[in-house]
Amino acid sequence: MREVLVTTSILFTFGVAPAGILGYLIAVKGKRNLISGWDDSKVRDPRGFGSLLGASLMVFSALLLAVVFLWVIGAMSNSVLMVTSLLLTLLPILGWLLARSRYG
């Protein structure tokens, strides 16, 4: 039980919460300055770019939360948790690439 609590705390503290909060701030509140190296003049539609990138972070956060929940209730093993979590990290990268192709 202790392993589950520690792993869940780490994943939530360093994955789910920061991604969800940053995604919300970028997409909804328009805080594009939270994006590393951001310059409004380098993109055609800064609001659209930020919305898409922030939405990808929020989706990543929600899916990671679902994966952690499934792991806690025993619906997936430790190895599946690791692989799924690592694959989910590609979501914000794909969001960045999509935003660059659409608004960049």
PDB file of N, CA and C in Angstrom:
ATOM      1  N   MET A   1       0.827  -1.201   0.000  1.00  0.00           N
ATOM      2  CA  MET A   1       0.000   0.000   0.000  1.00  0.00           C
ATOM      3  C   MET A   1       0.872   1.266   0.000  1.00  0.00           C
ATOM      4  N   ARG A   2       1.994   1.189   0.686  1.00  0.00           N
ATOM      5  CA  ARG A   2       2.876   2.350   0.772  1.00  0.00           C
ATOM      6  C   ARG A   2       3.422   2.709  -0.615  1.00  0.00           C
ATOM      7  N   GLU A   3       3.747   1.705  -1.430  1.00  0.00           N
ATOM      8  CA  GLU A   3       4.252   1.940  -2.790  1.00  0.00           C
ATOM      9  C   GLU A   3       3.212   2.675  -3.635  1.00  0.00           C
ATOM     10  N   VAL A   4       1.970   2.279  -3.494  1.00  0.00           N
ATOM     11  CA  VAL A   4       0.890   2.915  -4.252  1.00  0.00           C
ATOM     12  C   VAL A   4       0.737   4.373  -3.843  1.00  0.00           C
ATOM     13  N   LEU A   5       0.785   4.634  -2.553  1.00  0.00           N
ATOM     14  CA  LEU A   5       0.631   6.004  -2.062  1.00  0.00           C
ATOM     15  C   LEU A   5       1.785   6.900  -2.525  1.00  0.00           C
ATOM     16  N   VAL A   6       3.006   6.392  -2.436  1.00  0.00           N
ATOM     17  CA  VAL A   6       4.171   7.179  -2.836  1.00  0.00           C
ATOM     18  C   VAL A   6       4.136   7.451  -4.338  1.00  0.00           C
ATOM     19  N   THR A   7       3.881   6.419  -5.134  1.00  0.00           N
ATOM     20  CA  THR A   7       3.848   6.577  -6.588  1.00  0.00           C
ATOM     21  C   THR A   7       2.730   7.522  -7.010  1.00  0.00           C
ATOM     22  N   THR A   8       1.573   7.369  -6.415  1.00  0.00           N
ATOM     23  CA  THR A   8       0.439   8.241  -6.738  1.00  0.00           C
ATOM     24  C   THR A   8       0.764   9.688  -6.374  1.00  0.00           C
ATOM     25  N   SER A   9       1.368   9.900  -5.230  1.00  0.00           N
ATOM     26  CA  SER A   9       1.733  11.260  -4.813  1.00  0.00           C
ATOM     27  C   SER A   9       2.732  11.885  -5.772  1.00  0.00           C
ATOM     28  N   ILE A  10       3.730  11.105  -6.174  1.00  0.00           N
ATOM     29  CA  ILE A  10       4.745  11.627  -7.098  1.00  0.00           C
ATOM     30  C   ILE A  10       4.128  11.967  -8.445  1.00  0.00           C
ATOM     31  N   LEU A  11       3.329  11.056  -8.995  1.00  0.00           N
ATOM     32  CA  LEU A  11       2.719  11.305 -10.300  1.00  0.00           C
ATOM     33  C   LEU A  11       1.769  12.500 -10.263  1.00  0.00           C
ATOM     34  N   PHE A  12       1.018  12.623  -9.182  1.00  0.00           N
ATOM     35  CA  PHE A  12       0.092  13.748  -9.089  1.00  0.00           C
ATOM     36  C   PHE A  12       0.849  15.057  -8.885  1.00  0.00           C
ATOM     37  N   THR A  13       1.836  15.054  -7.986  1.00  0.00           N
ATOM     38  CA  THR A  13       2.558  16.281  -7.652  1.00  0.00           C
ATOM     39  C   THR A  13       3.411  16.804  -8.800  1.00  0.00           C
ATOM     40  N   PHE A  14       4.053  15.888  -9.539  1.00  0.00           N
ATOM     41  CA  PHE A  14       4.983  16.321 -10.578  1.00  0.00           C
ATOM     42  C   PHE A  14       4.466  16.128 -11.997  1.00  0.00           C
ATOM     43  N   GLY A  15       3.272  15.568 -12.161  1.00  0.00           N
ATOM     44  CA  GLY A  15       2.738  15.335 -13.495  1.00  0.00           C
ATOM     45  C   GLY A  15       1.355  15.923 -13.691  1.00  0.00           C
ATOM     46  N   VAL A  16       0.395  15.390 -12.969  1.00  0.00           N
ATOM     47  CA  VAL A  16      -1.010  15.770 -13.178  1.00  0.00           C
ATOM     48  C   VAL A  16      -1.261  17.232 -12.821  1.00  0.00           C
ATOM     49  N   ALA A  17      -0.905  17.626 -11.608  1.00  0.00           N
ATOM     50  CA  ALA A  17      -1.213  18.991 -11.156  1.00  0.00           C
ATOM     51  C   ALA A  17      -0.492  20.073 -11.966  1.00  0.00           C
ATOM     52  N   PRO A  18       0.823  19.987 -12.151  1.00  0.00           N
ATOM     53  CA  PRO A  18       1.481  21.057 -12.913  1.00  0.00           C
ATOM     54  C   PRO A  18       0.989  21.157 -14.352  1.00  0.00           C
ATOM     55  N   ALA A  19       0.798  20.017 -15.013  1.00  0.00           N
ATOM     56  CA  ALA A  19       0.334  20.052 -16.403  1.00  0.00           C
ATOM     57  C   ALA A  19      -1.068  20.648 -16.487  1.00  0.00           C
ATOM     58  N   GLY A  20      -1.930  20.260 -15.578  1.00  0.00           N
ATOM     59  CA  GLY A  20      -3.292  20.793 -15.587  1.00  0.00           C
ATOM     60  C   GLY A  20      -3.337  22.280 -15.296  1.00  0.00           C
ATOM     61  N   ILE A  21      -2.573  22.704 -14.314  1.00  0.00           N
ATOM     62  CA  ILE A  21      -2.550  24.120 -13.945  1.00  0.00           C
ATOM     63  C   ILE A  21      -1.938  24.961 -15.064  1.00  0.00           C
ATOM     64  N   LEU A  22      -0.797  24.527 -15.587  1.00  0.00           N
ATOM     65  CA  LEU A  22      -0.161  25.285 -16.675  1.00  0.00           C
ATOM     66  C   LEU A  22      -1.029  25.296 -17.930  1.00  0.00           C
ATOM     67  N   GLY A  23      -1.639  24.156 -18.248  1.00  0.00           N
ATOM     68  CA  GLY A  23      -2.530  24.100 -19.404  1.00  0.00           C
ATOM     69  C   GLY A  23      -3.685  25.073 -19.266  1.00  0.00           C
ATOM     70  N   TYR A  24      -4.281  25.125 -18.086  1.00  0.00           N
ATOM     71  CA  TYR A  24      -5.381  26.049 -17.830  1.00  0.00           C
ATOM     72  C   TYR A  24      -4.922  27.499 -17.956  1.00  0.00           C
ATOM     73  N   LEU A  25      -3.785  27.804 -17.343  1.00  0.00           N
ATOM     74  CA  LEU A  25      -3.297  29.180 -17.402  1.00  0.00           C
ATOM     75  C   LEU A  25      -2.970  29.612 -18.825  1.00  0.00           C
ATOM     76  N   ILE A  26      -2.403  28.703 -19.616  1.00  0.00           N
ATOM     77  CA  ILE A  26      -2.030  29.043 -20.989  1.00  0.00           C
ATOM     78  C   ILE A  26      -3.264  29.123 -21.881  1.00  0.00           C
ATOM     79  N   ALA A  27      -4.136  28.113 -21.815  1.00  0.00           N
ATOM     80  CA  ALA A  27      -5.276  28.041 -22.729  1.00  0.00           C
ATOM     81  C   ALA A  27      -6.400  29.007 -22.349  1.00  0.00           C
ATOM     82  N   VAL A  28      -6.753  29.038 -21.091  1.00  0.00           N
ATOM     83  CA  VAL A  28      -7.934  29.801 -20.671  1.00  0.00           C
ATOM     84  C   VAL A  28      -7.581  31.234 -20.283  1.00  0.00           C
ATOM     85  N   LYS A  29      -6.544  31.386 -19.507  1.00  0.00           N
ATOM     86  CA  LYS A  29      -6.174  32.721 -19.017  1.00  0.00           C
ATOM     87  C   LYS A  29      -5.253  33.485 -19.956  1.00  0.00           C
ATOM     88  N   GLY A  30      -4.749  32.821 -20.994  1.00  0.00           N
ATOM     89  CA  GLY A  30      -3.915  33.502 -21.973  1.00  0.00           C
ATOM     90  C   GLY A  30      -2.520  33.850 -21.492  1.00  0.00           C
ATOM     91  N   LYS A  31      -2.005  33.118 -20.530  1.00  0.00           N
ATOM     92  CA  LYS A  31      -0.663  33.384 -19.988  1.00  0.00           C
ATOM     93  C   LYS A  31       0.391  32.699 -20.858  1.00  0.00           C
ATOM     94  N   ARG A  32       0.525  33.152 -22.092  1.00  0.00           N
ATOM     95  CA  ARG A  32       1.465  32.535 -23.024  1.00  0.00           C
ATOM     96  C   ARG A  32       2.917  32.763 -22.621  1.00  0.00           C
ATOM     97  N   ASN A  33       3.164  33.719 -21.739  1.00  0.00           N
ATOM     98  CA  ASN A  33       4.533  33.945 -21.274  1.00  0.00           C
ATOM     99  C   ASN A  33       5.057  32.770 -20.456  1.00  0.00           C
ATOM    100  N   LEU A  34       4.187  31.838 -20.068  1.00  0.00           N
ATOM    101  CA  LEU A  34       4.622  30.633 -19.365  1.00  0.00           C
ATOM    102  C   LEU A  34       5.266  29.623 -20.304  1.00  0.00           C
ATOM    103  N   ILE A  35       5.109  29.828 -21.606  1.00  0.00           N
ATOM    104  CA  ILE A  35       5.723  28.958 -22.603  1.00  0.00           C
ATOM    105  C   ILE A  35       7.170  29.403 -22.761  1.00  0.00           C
ATOM    106  N   SER A  36       8.085  28.480 -22.607  1.00  0.00           N
ATOM    107  CA  SER A  36       9.513  28.799 -22.676  1.00  0.00           C
ATOM    108  C   SER A  36       9.888  29.403 -24.025  1.00  0.00           C
ATOM    109  N   GLY A  37      10.566  30.541 -23.988  1.00  0.00           N
ATOM    110  CA  GLY A  37      11.029  31.202 -25.200  1.00  0.00           C
ATOM    111  C   GLY A  37       9.918  31.807 -26.036  1.00  0.00           C
ATOM    112  N   TRP A  38       8.799  32.121 -25.453  1.00  0.00           N
ATOM    113  CA  TRP A  38       7.643  32.611 -26.203  1.00  0.00           C
ATOM    114  C   TRP A  38       7.871  34.020 -26.721  1.00  0.00           C
ATOM    115  N   ASP A  39       7.472  34.227 -27.972  1.00  0.00           N
ATOM    116  CA  ASP A  39       7.515  35.547 -28.594  1.00  0.00           C
ATOM    117  C   ASP A  39       6.294  35.644 -29.507  1.00  0.00           C
ATOM    118  N   ASP A  40       5.364  36.532 -29.166  1.00  0.00           N
ATOM    119  CA  ASP A  40       4.122  36.679 -29.940  1.00  0.00           C
ATOM    120  C   ASP A  40       4.370  37.005 -31.407  1.00  0.00           C
ATOM    121  N   SER A  41       5.469  37.673 -31.683  1.00  0.00           N
ATOM    122  CA  SER A  41       5.712  38.100 -33.061  1.00  0.00           C
ATOM    123  C   SER A  41       6.149  36.950 -33.978  1.00  0.00           C
ATOM    124  N   LYS A  42       6.478  35.807 -33.421  1.00  0.00           N
ATOM    125  CA  LYS A  42       6.957  34.691 -34.224  1.00  0.00           C
ATOM    126  C   LYS A  42       5.848  33.765 -34.719  1.00  0.00           C
ATOM    127  N   VAL A  43       4.606  34.016 -34.316  1.00  0.00           N
ATOM    128  CA  VAL A  43       3.488  33.174 -34.757  1.00  0.00           C
ATOM    129  C   VAL A  43       2.388  34.051 -35.343  1.00  0.00           C
ATOM    130  N   ARG A  44       1.595  33.448 -36.233  1.00  0.00           N
ATOM    131  CA  ARG A  44       0.513  34.201 -36.875  1.00  0.00           C
ATOM    132  C   ARG A  44      -0.642  34.484 -35.919  1.00  0.00           C
ATOM    133  N   ASP A  45      -1.004  33.475 -35.118  1.00  0.00           N
ATOM    134  CA  ASP A  45      -2.133  33.616 -34.204  1.00  0.00           C
ATOM    135  C   ASP A  45      -1.703  33.172 -32.804  1.00  0.00           C
ATOM    136  N   PRO A  46      -1.191  34.095 -31.984  1.00  0.00           N
ATOM    137  CA  PRO A  46      -0.707  33.717 -30.655  1.00  0.00           C
ATOM    138  C   PRO A  46      -1.789  33.109 -29.770  1.00  0.00           C
ATOM    139  N   ARG A  47      -3.011  33.625 -29.852  1.00  0.00           N
ATOM    140  CA  ARG A  47      -4.093  33.080 -29.024  1.00  0.00           C
ATOM    141  C   ARG A  47      -4.419  31.643 -29.407  1.00  0.00           C
ATOM    142  N   GLY A  48      -4.503  31.379 -30.695  1.00  0.00           N
ATOM    143  CA  GLY A  48      -4.790  30.028 -31.159  1.00  0.00           C
ATOM    144  C   GLY A  48      -3.688  29.063 -30.783  1.00  0.00           C
ATOM    145  N   PHE A  49      -2.447  29.509 -30.934  1.00  0.00           N
ATOM    146  CA  PHE A  49      -1.304  28.675 -30.576  1.00  0.00           C
ATOM    147  C   PHE A  49      -1.353  28.326 -29.091  1.00  0.00           C
ATOM    148  N   GLY A  50      -1.559  29.334 -28.259  1.00  0.00           N
ATOM    149  CA  GLY A  50      -1.627  29.110 -26.820  1.00  0.00           C
ATOM    150  C   GLY A  50      -2.794  28.228 -26.418  1.00  0.00           C
ATOM    151  N   SER A  51      -3.930  28.434 -27.060  1.00  0.00           N
ATOM    152  CA  SER A  51      -5.099  27.613 -26.748  1.00  0.00           C
ATOM    153  C   SER A  51      -4.856  26.150 -27.081  1.00  0.00           C
ATOM    154  N   LEU A  52      -4.273  25.902 -28.224  1.00  0.00           N
ATOM    155  CA  LEU A  52      -4.009  24.523 -28.632  1.00  0.00           C
ATOM    156  C   LEU A  52      -2.962  23.867 -27.739  1.00  0.00           C
ATOM    157  N   LEU A  53      -1.907  24.589 -27.434  1.00  0.00           N
ATOM    158  CA  LEU A  53      -0.866  24.036 -26.576  1.00  0.00           C
ATOM    159  C   LEU A  53      -1.391  23.810 -25.153  1.00  0.00           C
ATOM    160  N   GLY A  54      -2.128  24.762 -24.631  1.00  0.00           N
ATOM    161  CA  GLY A  54      -2.702  24.610 -23.296  1.00  0.00           C
ATOM    162  C   GLY A  54      -3.711  23.472 -23.233  1.00  0.00           C
ATOM    163  N   ALA A  55      -4.504  23.326 -24.289  1.00  0.00           N
ATOM    164  CA  ALA A  55      -5.475  22.225 -24.330  1.00  0.00           C
ATOM    165  C   ALA A  55      -4.763  20.874 -24.346  1.00  0.00           C
ATOM    166  N   SER A  56      -3.649  20.784 -25.064  1.00  0.00           N
ATOM    167  CA  SER A  56      -2.921  19.514 -25.080  1.00  0.00           C
ATOM    168  C   SER A  56      -2.349  19.197 -23.700  1.00  0.00           C
ATOM    169  N   LEU A  57      -1.942  20.209 -22.962  1.00  0.00           N
ATOM    170  CA  LEU A  57      -1.469  19.985 -21.595  1.00  0.00           C
ATOM    171  C   LEU A  57      -2.603  19.541 -20.678  1.00  0.00           C
ATOM    172  N   MET A  58      -3.781  20.137 -20.833  1.00  0.00           N
ATOM    173  CA  MET A  58      -4.919  19.739 -20.003  1.00  0.00           C
ATOM    174  C   MET A  58      -5.379  18.320 -20.322  1.00  0.00           C
ATOM    175  N   VAL A  59      -5.366  17.949 -21.601  1.00  0.00           N
ATOM    176  CA  VAL A  59      -5.720  16.581 -21.984  1.00  0.00           C
ATOM    177  C   VAL A  59      -4.697  15.603 -21.430  1.00  0.00           C
ATOM    178  N   PHE A  60      -3.420  15.952 -21.520  1.00  0.00           N
ATOM    179  CA  PHE A  60      -2.368  15.117 -20.942  1.00  0.00           C
ATOM    180  C   PHE A  60      -2.614  14.915 -19.447  1.00  0.00           C
ATOM    181  N   SER A  61      -2.933  15.990 -18.746  1.00  0.00           N
ATOM    182  CA  SER A  61      -3.168  15.921 -17.314  1.00  0.00           C
ATOM    183  C   SER A  61      -4.357  15.009 -16.990  1.00  0.00           C
ATOM    184  N   ALA A  62      -5.440  15.155 -17.732  1.00  0.00           N
ATOM    185  CA  ALA A  62      -6.633  14.339 -17.483  1.00  0.00           C
ATOM    186  C   ALA A  62      -6.375  12.864 -17.780  1.00  0.00           C
ATOM    187  N   LEU A  63      -5.685  12.583 -18.876  1.00  0.00           N
ATOM    188  CA  LEU A  63      -5.395  11.192 -19.212  1.00  0.00           C
ATOM    189  C   LEU A  63      -4.421  10.567 -18.220  1.00  0.00           C
ATOM    190  N   LEU A  64      -3.441  11.336 -17.765  1.00  0.00           N
ATOM    191  CA  LEU A  64      -2.518  10.815 -16.762  1.00  0.00           C
ATOM    192  C   LEU A  64      -3.245  10.534 -15.454  1.00  0.00           C
ATOM    193  N   LEU A  65      -4.169  11.390 -15.090  1.00  0.00           N
ATOM    194  CA  LEU A  65      -4.975  11.157 -13.893  1.00  0.00           C
ATOM    195  C   LEU A  65      -5.794   9.873 -14.041  1.00  0.00           C
ATOM    196  N   ALA A  66      -6.363   9.652 -15.216  1.00  0.00           N
ATOM    197  CA  ALA A  66      -7.133   8.425 -15.457  1.00  0.00           C
ATOM    198  C   ALA A  66      -6.241   7.191 -15.374  1.00  0.00           C
ATOM    199  N   VAL A  67      -5.036   7.278 -15.918  1.00  0.00           N
ATOM    200  CA  VAL A  67      -4.099   6.151 -15.872  1.00  0.00           C
ATOM    201  C   VAL A  67      -3.708   5.856 -14.427  1.00  0.00           C
ATOM    202  N   VAL A  68      -3.426   6.889 -13.649  1.00  0.00           N
ATOM    203  CA  VAL A  68      -3.075   6.692 -12.242  1.00  0.00           C
ATOM    204  C   VAL A  68      -4.245   6.072 -11.494  1.00  0.00           C
ATOM    205  N   PHE A  69      -5.443   6.528 -11.759  1.00  0.00           N
ATOM    206  CA  PHE A  69      -6.628   5.957 -11.111  1.00  0.00           C
ATOM    207  C   PHE A  69      -6.778   4.474 -11.454  1.00  0.00           C
ATOM    208  N   LEU A  70      -6.606   4.133 -12.734  1.00  0.00           N
ATOM    209  CA  LEU A  70      -6.705   2.732 -13.142  1.00  0.00           C
ATOM    210  C   LEU A  70      -5.627   1.885 -12.478  1.00  0.00           C
ATOM    211  N   TRP A  71      -4.443   2.456 -12.294  1.00  0.00           N
ATOM    212  CA  TRP A  71      -3.377   1.727 -11.626  1.00  0.00           C
ATOM    213  C   TRP A  71      -3.699   1.522 -10.151  1.00  0.00           C
ATOM    214  N   VAL A  72      -4.246   2.550  -9.504  1.00  0.00           N
ATOM    215  CA  VAL A  72      -4.571   2.460  -8.077  1.00  0.00           C
ATOM    216  C   VAL A  72      -5.633   1.401  -7.822  1.00  0.00           C
ATOM    217  N   ILE A  73      -6.636   1.311  -8.694  1.00  0.00           N
ATOM    218  CA  ILE A  73      -7.690   0.308  -8.467  1.00  0.00           C
ATOM    219  C   ILE A  73      -7.272  -1.084  -8.944  1.00  0.00           C
ATOM    220  N   GLY A  74      -6.072  -1.196  -9.508  1.00  0.00           N
ATOM    221  CA  GLY A  74      -5.556  -2.499  -9.890  1.00  0.00           C
ATOM    222  C   GLY A  74      -5.894  -2.944 -11.291  1.00  0.00           C
ATOM    223  N   ALA A  75      -6.354  -2.040 -12.130  1.00  0.00           N
ATOM    224  CA  ALA A  75      -6.729  -2.399 -13.495  1.00  0.00           C
ATOM    225  C   ALA A  75      -5.534  -2.459 -14.439  1.00  0.00           C
ATOM    226  N   MET A  76      -4.363  -2.022 -13.985  1.00  0.00           N
ATOM    227  CA  MET A  76      -3.157  -2.122 -14.813  1.00  0.00           C
ATOM    228  C   MET A  76      -1.947  -2.377 -13.923  1.00  0.00           C
ATOM    229  N   SER A  77      -0.953  -3.010 -14.513  1.00  0.00           N
ATOM    230  CA  SER A  77       0.257  -3.358 -13.764  1.00  0.00           C
ATOM    231  C   SER A  77       1.230  -2.183 -13.741  1.00  0.00           C
ATOM    232  N   ASN A  78       2.301  -2.361 -12.975  1.00  0.00           N
ATOM    233  CA  ASN A  78       3.319  -1.304 -12.876  1.00  0.00           C
ATOM    234  C   ASN A  78       3.973  -1.028 -14.222  1.00  0.00           C
ATOM    235  N   SER A  79       4.277  -2.077 -14.964  1.00  0.00           N
ATOM    236  CA  SER A  79       4.942  -1.881 -16.249  1.00  0.00           C
ATOM    237  C   SER A  79       4.024  -1.178 -17.250  1.00  0.00           C
ATOM    238  N   VAL A  80       2.742  -1.506 -17.227  1.00  0.00           N
ATOM    239  CA  VAL A  80       1.789  -0.829 -18.118  1.00  0.00           C
ATOM    240  C   VAL A  80       1.649   0.638 -17.705  1.00  0.00           C
ATOM    241  N   LEU A  81       1.657   0.906 -16.412  1.00  0.00           N
ATOM    242  CA  LEU A  81       1.620   2.291 -15.919  1.00  0.00           C
ATOM    243  C   LEU A  81       2.801   3.078 -16.454  1.00  0.00           C
ATOM    244  N   MET A  82       3.998   2.503 -16.368  1.00  0.00           N
ATOM    245  CA  MET A  82       5.192   3.198 -16.848  1.00  0.00           C
ATOM    246  C   MET A  82       5.134   3.470 -18.342  1.00  0.00           C
ATOM    247  N   VAL A  83       4.798   2.447 -19.125  1.00  0.00           N
ATOM    248  CA  VAL A  83       4.770   2.610 -20.576  1.00  0.00           C
ATOM    249  C   VAL A  83       3.697   3.607 -20.981  1.00  0.00           C
ATOM    250  N   THR A  84       2.523   3.496 -20.392  1.00  0.00           N
ATOM    251  CA  THR A  84       1.429   4.415 -20.723  1.00  0.00           C
ATOM    252  C   THR A  84       1.780   5.848 -20.339  1.00  0.00           C
ATOM    253  N   SER A  85       2.370   6.028 -19.182  1.00  0.00           N
ATOM    254  CA  SER A  85       2.760   7.371 -18.744  1.00  0.00           C
ATOM    255  C   SER A  85       3.800   7.975 -19.680  1.00  0.00           C
ATOM    256  N   LEU A  86       4.756   7.166 -20.082  1.00  0.00           N
ATOM    257  CA  LEU A  86       5.774   7.665 -21.006  1.00  0.00           C
ATOM    258  C   LEU A  86       5.174   8.013 -22.363  1.00  0.00           C
ATOM    259  N   LEU A  87       4.252   7.199 -22.847  1.00  0.00           N
ATOM    260  CA  LEU A  87       3.609   7.499 -24.132  1.00  0.00           C
ATOM    261  C   LEU A  87       2.750   8.756 -24.042  1.00  0.00           C
ATOM    262  N   LEU A  88       2.129   8.965 -22.890  1.00  0.00           N
ATOM    263  CA  LEU A  88       1.307  10.167 -22.721  1.00  0.00           C
ATOM    264  C   LEU A  88       2.133  11.444 -22.779  1.00  0.00           C
ATOM    265  N   THR A  89       3.418  11.350 -22.439  1.00  0.00           N
ATOM    266  CA  THR A  89       4.247  12.558 -22.497  1.00  0.00           C
ATOM    267  C   THR A  89       4.416  13.064 -23.920  1.00  0.00           C
ATOM    268  N   LEU A  90       4.084  12.232 -24.891  1.00  0.00           N
ATOM    269  CA  LEU A  90       4.160  12.683 -26.284  1.00  0.00           C
ATOM    270  C   LEU A  90       3.013  13.629 -26.649  1.00  0.00           C
ATOM    271  N   LEU A  91       1.936  13.616 -25.879  1.00  0.00           N
ATOM    272  CA  LEU A  91       0.771  14.457 -26.188  1.00  0.00           C
ATOM    273  C   LEU A  91       1.104  15.947 -26.257  1.00  0.00           C
ATOM    274  N   PRO A  92       1.758  16.531 -25.252  1.00  0.00           N
ATOM    275  CA  PRO A  92       2.109  17.955 -25.376  1.00  0.00           C
ATOM    276  C   PRO A  92       3.069  18.229 -26.534  1.00  0.00           C
ATOM    277  N   ILE A  93       3.950  17.274 -26.829  1.00  0.00           N
ATOM    278  CA  ILE A  93       4.862  17.449 -27.964  1.00  0.00           C
ATOM    279  C   ILE A  93       4.069  17.465 -29.264  1.00  0.00           C
ATOM    280  N   LEU A  94       3.112  16.556 -29.386  1.00  0.00           N
ATOM    281  CA  LEU A  94       2.255  16.542 -30.571  1.00  0.00           C
ATOM    282  C   LEU A  94       1.412  17.814 -30.645  1.00  0.00           C
ATOM    283  N   GLY A  95       0.958  18.310 -29.492  1.00  0.00           N
ATOM    284  CA  GLY A  95       0.222  19.572 -29.452  1.00  0.00           C
ATOM    285  C   GLY A  95       1.070  20.734 -29.928  1.00  0.00           C
ATOM    286  N   TRP A  96       2.332  20.743 -29.527  1.00  0.00           N
ATOM    287  CA  TRP A  96       3.271  21.792 -29.966  1.00  0.00           C
ATOM    288  C   TRP A  96       3.462  21.726 -31.475  1.00  0.00           C
ATOM    289  N   LEU A  97       3.693  20.511 -31.991  1.00  0.00           N
ATOM    290  CA  LEU A  97       3.911  20.352 -33.435  1.00  0.00           C
ATOM    291  C   LEU A  97       2.672  20.747 -34.235  1.00  0.00           C
ATOM    292  N   LEU A  98       1.496  20.365 -33.751  1.00  0.00           N
ATOM    293  CA  LEU A  98       0.257  20.735 -34.430  1.00  0.00           C
ATOM    294  C   LEU A  98       0.049  22.245 -34.399  1.00  0.00           C
ATOM    295  N   ALA A  99       0.319  22.853 -33.258  1.00  0.00           N
ATOM    296  CA  ALA A  99       0.173  24.314 -33.129  1.00  0.00           C
ATOM    297  C   ALA A  99       1.157  25.046 -34.047  1.00  0.00           C
ATOM    298  N   ARG A 100       2.375  24.529 -34.145  1.00  0.00           N
ATOM    299  CA  ARG A 100       3.364  25.153 -35.037  1.00  0.00           C
ATOM    300  C   ARG A 100       2.967  25.051 -36.488  1.00  0.00           C
ATOM    301  N   SER A 101       2.409  23.884 -36.868  1.00  0.00           N
ATOM    302  CA  SER A 101       2.008  23.740 -38.275  1.00  0.00           C
ATOM    303  C   SER A 101       0.762  24.566 -38.594  1.00  0.00           C
ATOM    304  N   ARG A 102      -0.105  24.746 -37.612  1.00  0.00           N
ATOM    305  CA  ARG A 102      -1.344  25.474 -37.844  1.00  0.00           C
ATOM    306  C   ARG A 102      -1.173  26.986 -37.696  1.00  0.00           C
ATOM    307  N   TYR A 103      -0.414  27.410 -36.682  1.00  0.00           N
ATOM    308  CA  TYR A 103      -0.322  28.840 -36.363  1.00  0.00           C
ATOM    309  C   TYR A 103       1.093  29.412 -36.489  1.00  0.00           C
ATOM    310  N   GLY A 104       2.077  28.581 -36.778  1.00  0.00           N
ATOM    311  CA  GLY A 104       3.470  29.005 -36.723  1.00  0.00           C
ATOM    312  C   GLY A 104       4.006  29.710 -37.905  1.00  0.00           C
TER     313      GLY A 104
END
